[in-house]
Protein backbone atom coordinates (compact mmCIF):
# COMPACT_ATOMS: atom_id res chain seq x y z
CA MET A 1 40.56 65.96 46.88
CA SER A 2 43.78 67.48 44.93
CA SER A 3 45.58 70.74 45.84
CA VAL A 4 47.69 72.82 43.81
CA GLN A 5 50.56 74.91 44.92
CA ILE A 6 50.20 78.81 45.12
CA GLN A 7 53.04 81.50 45.15
CA CYS A 8 52.05 84.79 47.07
CA THR A 9 52.21 87.89 44.65
CA ARG A 10 53.85 89.87 47.82
CA CYS A 11 56.11 87.45 49.74
CA LYS A 12 56.72 84.86 47.03
CA ASN A 13 55.81 82.25 50.00
CA VAL A 14 54.47 79.37 48.45
CA PHE A 15 51.23 77.47 49.92
CA ARG A 16 48.65 74.88 48.80
CA ASP A 17 45.31 75.44 48.24
CA ARG A 18 42.43 72.45 46.85
CA ALA A 19 42.06 73.02 42.88
CA GLY A 20 38.16 72.98 43.55
CA ARG A 21 38.30 76.18 45.14
CA LEU A 22 40.53 77.81 42.73
CA GLN A 23 38.00 79.27 40.11
CA ASP A 24 37.19 82.54 38.88
CA GLY A 25 36.50 85.02 41.47
CA TYR A 26 38.23 83.20 44.35
CA SER A 27 40.24 85.23 46.75
CA ARG A 28 42.66 83.72 49.50
CA GLN A 29 44.41 85.05 52.15
CA CYS A 30 48.48 84.42 52.25
CA PRO A 31 49.40 82.43 55.38
CA SER A 32 52.42 84.15 55.59
CA CYS A 33 51.96 87.77 54.99
CA GLU A 34 48.13 87.85 55.33
CA VAL A 35 47.57 89.71 51.88
CA VAL A 36 44.83 88.75 49.96
CA LEU A 37 44.86 87.08 46.44
CA PHE A 38 42.34 87.50 44.34
CA PHE A 39 41.85 84.77 41.53
CA ALA A 40 40.61 85.63 37.98
CA GLU A 41 40.70 83.64 34.85
CA ASP A 42 42.08 87.26 33.25
CA SER A 43 44.55 87.98 35.81
CA GLN A 44 47.92 89.38 34.27
CA HIS A 45 50.26 88.10 37.12
CA PRO A 46 51.88 85.32 36.17
CA PHE A 47 51.71 83.48 39.93
CA VAL A 48 47.83 83.57 39.65
CA LYS A 49 47.81 82.27 36.04
CA ARG A 50 50.03 79.90 37.21
CA ALA A 51 47.76 78.49 40.24
CA MET A 52 44.44 78.97 37.70
CA ARG A 53 45.74 77.14 35.02
CA ASP A 54 47.32 74.13 37.20
CA ALA A 55 43.76 74.02 39.05
CA ARG A 56 41.95 73.70 36.03
CA LYS A 57 44.40 70.86 35.13
CA VAL A 58 44.09 68.73 37.63
CA ARG A 59 39.99 68.81 38.09
CA LYS A 60 40.24 67.77 34.71
CA GLU A 61 42.06 65.02 35.39
CA MET A 62 40.09 64.37 38.32
CA ARG A 63 36.98 64.47 36.07
CA GLU A 64 38.70 61.84 33.62
CA ALA A 65 39.70 59.35 36.36
CA GLU A 66 35.94 59.52 37.51
CA ALA A 67 34.85 58.87 33.92
CA ALA A 68 36.93 56.23 33.75
CA LYS A 69 36.13 54.68 37.23
CA LEU A 70 32.03 54.64 36.16
CA ALA A 71 33.07 53.08 32.56
CA ALA A 72 34.83 50.19 34.02
CA PRO A 73 32.99 46.92 34.85
CA GLU A 74 33.03 46.26 38.78
CA PRO A 75 34.65 43.35 39.33
CA GLN A 76 32.72 40.35 40.49
CA GLY A 77 34.63 39.96 44.06
CA ALA A 78 34.21 43.12 44.54
CA GLN A 79 30.38 43.02 44.51
CA SER A 80 30.34 40.89 47.11
CA ARG A 81 32.04 42.44 49.21
CA ARG A 82 29.69 45.32 49.17
CA PHE A 83 27.08 43.29 50.89
CA ALA A 84 27.58 43.72 54.81
CA GLY A 85 24.96 41.50 56.29
CA ARG A 86 25.23 37.73 57.61
CA THR A 87 25.06 35.13 55.01
CA ARG A 88 24.35 31.60 56.14
CA SER A 89 27.39 29.27 56.05
CA ALA A 90 27.52 26.24 53.53
CA GLY A 91 28.31 23.78 56.39
CA ARG A 92 25.30 24.60 58.26
CA GLU A 93 22.12 23.40 58.02
CA ASP A 94 18.58 24.46 59.70
């Protein structure tokens, strides 16, 4: 899963967290100064706003990539590699 950079509102240290976690109501402790950061859609702090916007963008890109992956037909060669069982070789006869 992709992650986004978060800048602490107190010590200005930059750290990373998963984009899937950064949603309205999420809280995270800064690993440097241990202040608790609260992430809300209506936050007025620019660092929180930027992290929330970046997380929304990453989640959207991941959804679009997954949809494109599901919509694209699977190549013929890849289907046969999914089969893990044994097959008879062409030269062998029983």
